[in-house]
Amino acid sequence: MKKSLFTTALPALLGAALVSLPFTLHAQTTPTATTTAPAAKSTAKSKYTSYAGKLTAIDTANNDVTVTGTKRTLILNLATTTTYQVDKKSATLSSFAVGDKVTGSYLKNADGSLTAHSLHKSTVRKSAAKAAATPATAAPTPAPATPAAAPAAQ
């Protein structure tokens, strides 16, 4: 009876030890620094700020443009990463002229300067685009002439 208790209890104890072993090792390998730091909230704003206004200066020597909006004037440095679009198609700085209405986005640098991320303009006026989108109405066709009534017989 002693032998049968020993042969039954030994495998049960070894099995329980083996089952708990991976949990113990896993708990020992987990770094404690990550469990103490709270999770950061994801409320980061976009790093780019949008703008709209009129292009009032293009300075190719200093590689910047000046955009005057309704509330302020921005001097935007042009980077090699600045993207240019005209009518939603890729363009270059030479596609722009003083007086163009432009939109885009910029990045405020640590030193307070502004770097243009994008510069866009549209050459199609909204009213012209709307007129082109609506079909022209045809002139009304005149109603067919009715034949003159025959004179009444007397």
N, C-alpha and C. Protein backbone atom coordinates (compact mmCIF):
# COMPACT_ATOMS: atom_id res chain seq x y z
N MET A 1 0.83 -1.18 0.00
CA MET A 1 0.00 0.00 0.00
C MET A 1 0.88 1.24 0.00
N LYS A 2 1.99 1.18 0.72
CA LYS A 2 2.90 2.30 0.73
C LYS A 2 3.45 2.55 -0.67
N LYS A 3 3.73 1.49 -1.37
CA LYS A 3 4.29 1.63 -2.70
C LYS A 3 3.28 2.23 -3.66
N SER A 4 2.02 1.84 -3.57
CA SER A 4 1.02 2.38 -4.47
C SER A 4 0.73 3.86 -4.18
N LEU A 5 0.76 4.26 -2.92
CA LEU A 5 0.58 5.67 -2.56
C LEU A 5 1.74 6.49 -3.09
N PHE A 6 2.96 5.94 -2.98
CA PHE A 6 4.15 6.63 -3.45
C PHE A 6 4.13 6.77 -4.97
N THR A 7 3.73 5.75 -5.69
CA THR A 7 3.71 5.80 -7.15
C THR A 7 2.58 6.70 -7.66
N THR A 8 1.56 6.90 -6.90
CA THR A 8 0.46 7.78 -7.31
C THR A 8 0.76 9.23 -6.94
N ALA A 9 1.31 9.46 -5.76
CA ALA A 9 1.54 10.82 -5.29
C ALA A 9 2.73 11.48 -5.99
N LEU A 10 3.76 10.71 -6.28
CA LEU A 10 4.94 11.28 -6.91
C LEU A 10 4.65 11.89 -8.28
N PRO A 11 3.98 11.18 -9.18
CA PRO A 11 3.68 11.82 -10.47
C PRO A 11 2.76 13.04 -10.33
N ALA A 12 1.83 13.00 -9.38
CA ALA A 12 0.94 14.14 -9.17
C ALA A 12 1.71 15.36 -8.71
N LEU A 13 2.66 15.18 -7.78
CA LEU A 13 3.48 16.30 -7.31
C LEU A 13 4.40 16.83 -8.41
N LEU A 14 4.99 15.95 -9.19
CA LEU A 14 5.85 16.37 -10.29
C LEU A 14 5.04 17.12 -11.36
N GLY A 15 3.86 16.66 -11.65
CA GLY A 15 3.00 17.33 -12.63
C GLY A 15 2.61 18.72 -12.17
N ALA A 16 2.26 18.87 -10.89
CA ALA A 16 1.90 20.18 -10.34
C ALA A 16 3.10 21.12 -10.36
N ALA A 17 4.28 20.60 -10.09
CA ALA A 17 5.49 21.42 -10.11
C ALA A 17 5.80 21.89 -11.53
N LEU A 18 5.64 21.00 -12.50
CA LEU A 18 5.91 21.36 -13.89
C LEU A 18 4.90 22.38 -14.41
N VAL A 19 3.66 22.27 -14.01
CA VAL A 19 2.63 23.21 -14.46
C VAL A 19 2.90 24.61 -13.90
N SER A 20 3.33 24.72 -12.67
CA SER A 20 3.56 26.04 -12.08
C SER A 20 4.91 26.63 -12.47
N LEU A 21 5.81 25.85 -12.98
CA LEU A 21 7.14 26.32 -13.34
C LEU A 21 7.13 27.43 -14.39
N PRO A 22 6.45 27.31 -15.52
CA PRO A 22 6.47 28.40 -16.51
C PRO A 22 5.91 29.71 -15.98
N PHE A 23 4.93 29.67 -15.13
CA PHE A 23 4.38 30.89 -14.57
C PHE A 23 5.38 31.59 -13.68
N THR A 24 6.13 30.83 -12.94
CA THR A 24 7.14 31.40 -12.07
C THR A 24 8.25 32.02 -12.89
N LEU A 25 8.71 31.34 -13.94
CA LEU A 25 9.76 31.88 -14.79
C LEU A 25 9.29 33.13 -15.52
N HIS A 26 8.07 33.12 -15.98
CA HIS A 26 7.52 34.27 -16.70
C HIS A 26 7.44 35.49 -15.79
N ALA A 27 7.03 35.29 -14.58
CA ALA A 27 6.92 36.39 -13.65
C ALA A 27 8.29 36.95 -13.31
N GLN A 28 9.33 36.14 -13.30
CA GLN A 28 10.66 36.60 -12.98
C GLN A 28 11.30 37.37 -14.13
N THR A 29 10.90 37.13 -15.38
CA THR A 29 11.52 37.79 -16.51
C THR A 29 10.84 39.09 -16.89
N THR A 30 9.69 39.39 -16.32
CA THR A 30 8.99 40.62 -16.63
C THR A 30 9.68 41.79 -15.95
N PRO A 31 10.09 42.82 -16.69
CA PRO A 31 10.73 43.97 -16.05
C PRO A 31 9.75 44.73 -15.18
N THR A 32 10.22 45.21 -14.07
CA THR A 32 9.33 45.92 -13.15
C THR A 32 9.12 47.37 -13.56
N ALA A 33 9.98 47.95 -14.39
CA ALA A 33 9.87 49.35 -14.77
C ALA A 33 8.62 49.60 -15.61
N THR A 34 8.23 48.65 -16.45
CA THR A 34 7.07 48.88 -17.30
C THR A 34 5.76 48.76 -16.53
N THR A 35 5.77 48.03 -15.43
CA THR A 35 4.53 47.88 -14.69
C THR A 35 4.26 49.08 -13.78
N THR A 36 5.28 49.89 -13.47
CA THR A 36 5.05 51.03 -12.60
C THR A 36 4.69 52.29 -13.36
N ALA A 37 5.00 52.36 -14.67
CA ALA A 37 4.72 53.58 -15.44
C ALA A 37 3.26 53.55 -15.89
N PRO A 38 2.52 54.66 -15.69
CA PRO A 38 1.14 54.70 -16.15
C PRO A 38 1.09 54.82 -17.67
N ALA A 39 0.04 54.33 -18.26
CA ALA A 39 -0.12 54.42 -19.71
C ALA A 39 -0.41 55.86 -20.11
N ALA A 40 0.28 56.31 -21.14
CA ALA A 40 0.09 57.69 -21.61
C ALA A 40 -1.17 57.77 -22.44
N LYS A 41 -1.91 58.87 -22.28
CA LYS A 41 -3.12 59.07 -23.06
C LYS A 41 -2.74 59.53 -24.45
N SER A 42 -3.49 59.09 -25.43
CA SER A 42 -3.21 59.44 -26.82
C SER A 42 -4.04 60.66 -27.21
N THR A 43 -3.65 61.82 -26.71
CA THR A 43 -4.35 63.05 -27.04
C THR A 43 -3.43 63.99 -27.80
N ALA A 44 -2.44 63.44 -28.49
CA ALA A 44 -1.49 64.27 -29.23
C ALA A 44 -2.20 64.95 -30.40
N LYS A 45 -1.94 66.24 -30.55
CA LYS A 45 -2.50 67.00 -31.64
C LYS A 45 -1.64 66.80 -32.88
N SER A 46 -2.19 67.12 -34.01
CA SER A 46 -1.42 67.08 -35.23
C SER A 46 -0.32 68.11 -35.14
N LYS A 47 0.86 67.78 -35.63
CA LYS A 47 1.97 68.71 -35.50
C LYS A 47 1.91 69.81 -36.56
N TYR A 48 1.02 69.70 -37.54
CA TYR A 48 0.89 70.71 -38.58
C TYR A 48 -0.31 71.62 -38.32
N THR A 49 -0.14 72.89 -38.66
CA THR A 49 -1.21 73.87 -38.52
C THR A 49 -1.62 74.32 -39.92
N SER A 50 -2.91 74.37 -40.19
CA SER A 50 -3.36 74.77 -41.51
C SER A 50 -3.45 76.29 -41.62
N TYR A 51 -3.39 76.78 -42.85
CA TYR A 51 -3.50 78.21 -43.11
C TYR A 51 -4.20 78.42 -44.44
N ALA A 52 -4.69 79.63 -44.64
CA ALA A 52 -5.30 80.04 -45.91
C ALA A 52 -5.07 81.54 -46.05
N GLY A 53 -4.81 81.98 -47.25
CA GLY A 53 -4.60 83.40 -47.47
C GLY A 53 -4.12 83.69 -48.87
N LYS A 54 -3.57 84.90 -49.03
CA LYS A 54 -3.08 85.34 -50.32
C LYS A 54 -1.56 85.36 -50.28
N LEU A 55 -0.95 84.84 -51.33
CA LEU A 55 0.50 84.83 -51.45
C LEU A 55 0.96 86.25 -51.76
N THR A 56 1.65 86.89 -50.80
CA THR A 56 2.04 88.29 -50.97
C THR A 56 3.51 88.46 -51.31
N ALA A 57 4.33 87.41 -51.15
CA ALA A 57 5.75 87.51 -51.52
C ALA A 57 6.32 86.11 -51.72
N ILE A 58 7.21 86.01 -52.72
CA ILE A 58 7.97 84.79 -52.96
C ILE A 58 9.43 85.21 -53.00
N ASP A 59 10.20 84.74 -52.03
CA ASP A 59 11.62 85.10 -51.93
C ASP A 59 12.44 83.85 -52.19
N THR A 60 12.88 83.67 -53.44
CA THR A 60 13.65 82.48 -53.79
C THR A 60 15.06 82.54 -53.22
N ALA A 61 15.58 83.76 -52.98
CA ALA A 61 16.93 83.88 -52.41
C ALA A 61 16.97 83.33 -50.98
N ASN A 62 15.96 83.65 -50.19
CA ASN A 62 15.89 83.17 -48.81
C ASN A 62 15.07 81.88 -48.69
N ASN A 63 14.51 81.44 -49.81
CA ASN A 63 13.72 80.22 -49.86
C ASN A 63 12.53 80.28 -48.90
N ASP A 64 11.74 81.35 -49.00
CA ASP A 64 10.53 81.45 -48.19
C ASP A 64 9.44 82.18 -48.96
N VAL A 65 8.21 82.07 -48.46
CA VAL A 65 7.06 82.76 -49.02
C VAL A 65 6.33 83.47 -47.89
N THR A 66 5.60 84.51 -48.25
CA THR A 66 4.79 85.24 -47.27
C THR A 66 3.33 85.07 -47.66
N VAL A 67 2.52 84.63 -46.71
CA VAL A 67 1.09 84.43 -46.92
C VAL A 67 0.35 85.33 -45.95
N THR A 68 -0.53 86.18 -46.48
CA THR A 68 -1.32 87.08 -45.65
C THR A 68 -2.75 86.56 -45.58
N GLY A 69 -3.18 86.27 -44.36
CA GLY A 69 -4.54 85.80 -44.13
C GLY A 69 -5.38 86.93 -43.57
N THR A 70 -6.58 86.61 -43.15
CA THR A 70 -7.47 87.63 -42.61
C THR A 70 -7.03 88.09 -41.23
N LYS A 71 -6.33 87.23 -40.48
CA LYS A 71 -5.95 87.59 -39.12
C LYS A 71 -4.46 87.85 -38.94
N ARG A 72 -3.60 87.25 -39.80
CA ARG A 72 -2.17 87.41 -39.60
C ARG A 72 -1.40 87.16 -40.89
N THR A 73 -0.13 87.51 -40.84
CA THR A 73 0.79 87.28 -41.96
C THR A 73 1.82 86.25 -41.52
N LEU A 74 2.05 85.24 -42.37
CA LEU A 74 2.98 84.17 -42.07
C LEU A 74 4.16 84.22 -43.04
N ILE A 75 5.35 84.10 -42.52
CA ILE A 75 6.53 83.92 -43.36
C ILE A 75 6.93 82.46 -43.21
N LEU A 76 6.78 81.71 -44.30
CA LEU A 76 6.99 80.27 -44.27
C LEU A 76 8.28 79.91 -44.99
N ASN A 77 9.17 79.24 -44.26
CA ASN A 77 10.40 78.73 -44.88
C ASN A 77 10.03 77.53 -45.74
N LEU A 78 10.64 77.43 -46.91
CA LEU A 78 10.38 76.31 -47.81
C LEU A 78 11.49 75.28 -47.64
N ALA A 79 11.10 74.06 -47.37
CA ALA A 79 12.06 72.97 -47.18
C ALA A 79 12.06 72.08 -48.41
N THR A 80 13.02 71.20 -48.49
CA THR A 80 13.05 70.24 -49.60
C THR A 80 11.88 69.28 -49.50
N THR A 81 11.28 69.17 -48.32
CA THR A 81 10.14 68.26 -48.12
C THR A 81 8.80 68.94 -48.34
N THR A 82 8.79 70.27 -48.59
CA THR A 82 7.54 70.98 -48.83
C THR A 82 6.91 70.47 -50.11
N THR A 83 5.60 70.18 -50.05
CA THR A 83 4.89 69.70 -51.24
C THR A 83 4.07 70.84 -51.83
N TYR A 84 3.98 70.87 -53.16
CA TYR A 84 3.25 71.91 -53.89
C TYR A 84 2.18 71.22 -54.73
N GLN A 85 0.97 71.81 -54.73
CA GLN A 85 -0.11 71.27 -55.55
C GLN A 85 -0.90 72.40 -56.18
N VAL A 86 -1.25 72.20 -57.45
CA VAL A 86 -2.14 73.10 -58.17
C VAL A 86 -3.27 72.24 -58.68
N ASP A 87 -4.49 72.58 -58.30
CA ASP A 87 -5.68 71.80 -58.66
C ASP A 87 -5.51 70.33 -58.29
N LYS A 88 -4.97 70.09 -57.11
CA LYS A 88 -4.78 68.75 -56.54
C LYS A 88 -3.80 67.88 -57.33
N LYS A 89 -2.95 68.53 -58.14
CA LYS A 89 -1.91 67.81 -58.88
C LYS A 89 -0.56 68.35 -58.46
N SER A 90 0.43 67.48 -58.45
CA SER A 90 1.78 67.86 -58.04
C SER A 90 2.30 69.02 -58.89
N ALA A 91 3.00 69.96 -58.24
CA ALA A 91 3.49 71.15 -58.93
C ALA A 91 4.83 71.55 -58.32
N THR A 92 5.36 72.69 -58.77
CA THR A 92 6.60 73.24 -58.22
C THR A 92 6.34 74.66 -57.77
N LEU A 93 7.30 75.25 -57.09
CA LEU A 93 7.16 76.63 -56.62
C LEU A 93 6.94 77.59 -57.78
N SER A 94 7.51 77.30 -58.94
CA SER A 94 7.35 78.20 -60.08
C SER A 94 5.91 78.25 -60.58
N SER A 95 5.05 77.35 -60.13
CA SER A 95 3.64 77.35 -60.50
C SER A 95 2.85 78.40 -59.73
N PHE A 96 3.47 79.03 -58.74
CA PHE A 96 2.79 79.99 -57.89
C PHE A 96 3.26 81.40 -58.22
N ALA A 97 2.35 82.37 -58.01
CA ALA A 97 2.67 83.76 -58.27
C ALA A 97 2.09 84.62 -57.14
N VAL A 98 2.67 85.79 -56.96
CA VAL A 98 2.16 86.73 -55.97
C VAL A 98 0.72 87.07 -56.35
N GLY A 99 -0.17 87.04 -55.36
CA GLY A 99 -1.58 87.31 -55.58
C GLY A 99 -2.43 86.05 -55.60
N ASP A 100 -1.82 84.87 -55.72
CA ASP A 100 -2.58 83.61 -55.70
C ASP A 100 -3.20 83.38 -54.33
N LYS A 101 -4.42 82.86 -54.33
CA LYS A 101 -5.04 82.42 -53.08
C LYS A 101 -4.53 81.02 -52.82
N VAL A 102 -3.97 80.81 -51.62
CA VAL A 102 -3.33 79.54 -51.29
C VAL A 102 -3.83 79.00 -49.97
N THR A 103 -3.66 77.70 -49.80
CA THR A 103 -3.92 77.02 -48.54
C THR A 103 -2.76 76.06 -48.31
N GLY A 104 -2.71 75.48 -47.14
CA GLY A 104 -1.67 74.51 -46.85
C GLY A 104 -1.52 74.29 -45.37
N SER A 105 -0.34 73.78 -45.00
CA SER A 105 -0.05 73.55 -43.59
C SER A 105 1.41 73.84 -43.33
N TYR A 106 1.70 74.15 -42.06
CA TYR A 106 3.08 74.45 -41.68
C TYR A 106 3.38 73.85 -40.33
N LEU A 107 4.68 73.81 -40.01
CA LEU A 107 5.17 73.28 -38.75
C LEU A 107 5.89 74.40 -38.02
N LYS A 108 5.57 74.60 -36.75
CA LYS A 108 6.27 75.61 -35.95
C LYS A 108 7.51 74.96 -35.35
N ASN A 109 8.68 75.55 -35.65
CA ASN A 109 9.96 75.02 -35.19
C ASN A 109 10.24 75.48 -33.76
N ALA A 110 11.22 74.86 -33.11
CA ALA A 110 11.58 75.19 -31.74
C ALA A 110 12.03 76.64 -31.60
N ASP A 111 12.66 77.19 -32.66
CA ASP A 111 13.13 78.58 -32.60
C ASP A 111 12.04 79.59 -32.94
N GLY A 112 10.82 79.12 -33.22
CA GLY A 112 9.70 80.01 -33.51
C GLY A 112 9.46 80.23 -35.00
N SER A 113 10.39 79.81 -35.83
CA SER A 113 10.20 79.95 -37.28
C SER A 113 9.18 78.94 -37.77
N LEU A 114 8.64 79.19 -38.96
CA LEU A 114 7.61 78.32 -39.52
C LEU A 114 8.14 77.68 -40.80
N THR A 115 7.94 76.39 -40.94
CA THR A 115 8.36 75.67 -42.14
C THR A 115 7.11 75.14 -42.84
N ALA A 116 6.98 75.48 -44.12
CA ALA A 116 5.81 75.04 -44.89
C ALA A 116 5.88 73.54 -45.11
N HIS A 117 4.80 72.88 -44.80
CA HIS A 117 4.68 71.44 -45.09
C HIS A 117 4.06 71.28 -46.47
N SER A 118 3.06 72.12 -46.79
CA SER A 118 2.40 72.04 -48.09
C SER A 118 1.92 73.42 -48.51
N LEU A 119 1.81 73.60 -49.83
CA LEU A 119 1.34 74.85 -50.43
C LEU A 119 0.44 74.45 -51.58
N HIS A 120 -0.84 74.85 -51.52
CA HIS A 120 -1.84 74.44 -52.52
C HIS A 120 -2.53 75.67 -53.09
N LYS A 121 -2.93 75.56 -54.37
CA LYS A 121 -3.81 76.57 -54.94
C LYS A 121 -4.75 75.90 -55.92
N SER A 122 -5.86 76.56 -56.16
CA SER A 122 -6.85 76.06 -57.11
C SER A 122 -7.06 77.13 -58.16
N THR A 123 -6.95 76.75 -59.43
CA THR A 123 -7.15 77.72 -60.50
C THR A 123 -8.58 77.72 -61.00
N VAL A 124 -9.35 76.74 -60.59
CA VAL A 124 -10.75 76.65 -61.01
C VAL A 124 -11.60 77.37 -59.99
N ARG A 125 -12.37 78.33 -60.45
CA ARG A 125 -13.26 79.05 -59.53
C ARG A 125 -14.45 78.17 -59.22
N LYS A 126 -14.96 78.30 -58.02
CA LYS A 126 -16.08 77.45 -57.60
C LYS A 126 -17.30 77.68 -58.48
N SER A 127 -17.61 78.94 -58.83
CA SER A 127 -18.79 79.21 -59.64
C SER A 127 -18.61 78.65 -61.05
N ALA A 128 -17.38 78.71 -61.59
CA ALA A 128 -17.13 78.16 -62.92
C ALA A 128 -17.20 76.63 -62.87
N ALA A 129 -16.70 76.05 -61.81
CA ALA A 129 -16.74 74.60 -61.69
C ALA A 129 -18.19 74.13 -61.54
N LYS A 130 -18.97 74.89 -60.81
CA LYS A 130 -20.37 74.53 -60.62
C LYS A 130 -21.13 74.65 -61.94
N ALA A 131 -20.84 75.70 -62.72
CA ALA A 131 -21.51 75.88 -64.00
C ALA A 131 -21.12 74.77 -64.97
N ALA A 132 -19.87 74.34 -64.92
CA ALA A 132 -19.42 73.27 -65.81
C ALA A 132 -20.04 71.94 -65.41
N ALA A 133 -20.34 71.78 -64.14
CA ALA A 133 -20.89 70.52 -63.65
C ALA A 133 -22.37 70.38 -63.98
N THR A 134 -23.09 71.51 -64.07
CA THR A 134 -24.52 71.43 -64.36
C THR A 134 -24.72 71.54 -65.86
N PRO A 135 -25.53 70.66 -66.44
CA PRO A 135 -25.74 70.72 -67.89
C PRO A 135 -26.52 71.97 -68.28
N ALA A 136 -26.19 72.48 -69.44
CA ALA A 136 -26.89 73.68 -69.93
C ALA A 136 -28.32 73.29 -70.26
N THR A 137 -29.26 74.16 -69.94
CA THR A 137 -30.65 73.87 -70.25
C THR A 137 -30.93 74.29 -71.69
N ALA A 138 -31.59 73.44 -72.40
CA ALA A 138 -31.91 73.73 -73.81
C ALA A 138 -33.06 74.73 -73.85
N ALA A 139 -33.07 75.52 -74.93
CA ALA A 139 -34.16 76.48 -75.11
C ALA A 139 -35.45 75.70 -75.31
N PRO A 140 -36.53 76.20 -74.73
CA PRO A 140 -37.79 75.46 -74.87
C PRO A 140 -38.22 75.43 -76.34
N THR A 141 -38.71 74.29 -76.75
CA THR A 141 -39.18 74.16 -78.14
C THR A 141 -40.60 74.70 -78.21
N PRO A 142 -40.89 75.43 -79.28
CA PRO A 142 -42.25 75.98 -79.38
C PRO A 142 -43.26 74.86 -79.60
N ALA A 143 -44.46 75.10 -79.12
CA ALA A 143 -45.53 74.11 -79.28
C ALA A 143 -45.90 74.04 -80.76
N PRO A 144 -46.27 72.86 -81.25
CA PRO A 144 -46.65 72.76 -82.67
C PRO A 144 -47.85 73.64 -82.96
N ALA A 145 -47.80 74.25 -84.14
CA ALA A 145 -48.89 75.14 -84.53
C ALA A 145 -50.13 74.31 -84.77
N THR A 146 -51.26 74.81 -84.31
CA THR A 146 -52.53 74.12 -84.54
C THR A 146 -53.07 74.58 -85.87
N PRO A 147 -53.59 73.68 -86.68
CA PRO A 147 -54.14 74.12 -87.98
C PRO A 147 -55.33 75.05 -87.77
N ALA A 148 -55.41 75.98 -88.65
CA ALA A 148 -56.51 76.96 -88.56
C ALA A 148 -57.84 76.24 -88.76
N ALA A 149 -58.80 76.63 -88.01
CA ALA A 149 -60.11 75.99 -88.09
C ALA A 149 -60.76 76.34 -89.44
N ALA A 150 -61.39 75.34 -90.00
CA ALA A 150 -62.05 75.57 -91.30
C ALA A 150 -63.25 76.50 -91.10
N PRO A 151 -63.51 77.38 -92.06
CA PRO A 151 -64.65 78.27 -91.90
C PRO A 151 -65.96 77.46 -91.81
N ALA A 152 -66.80 77.92 -90.99
CA ALA A 152 -68.08 77.22 -90.78
C ALA A 152 -68.95 77.31 -92.02
N ALA A 153 -69.56 76.21 -92.36
CA ALA A 153 -70.43 76.19 -93.55
C ALA A 153 -71.72 76.92 -93.25
N GLN A 154 -72.16 77.69 -94.22
CA GLN A 154 -73.38 78.46 -94.01
C GLN A 154 -74.55 77.86 -94.67
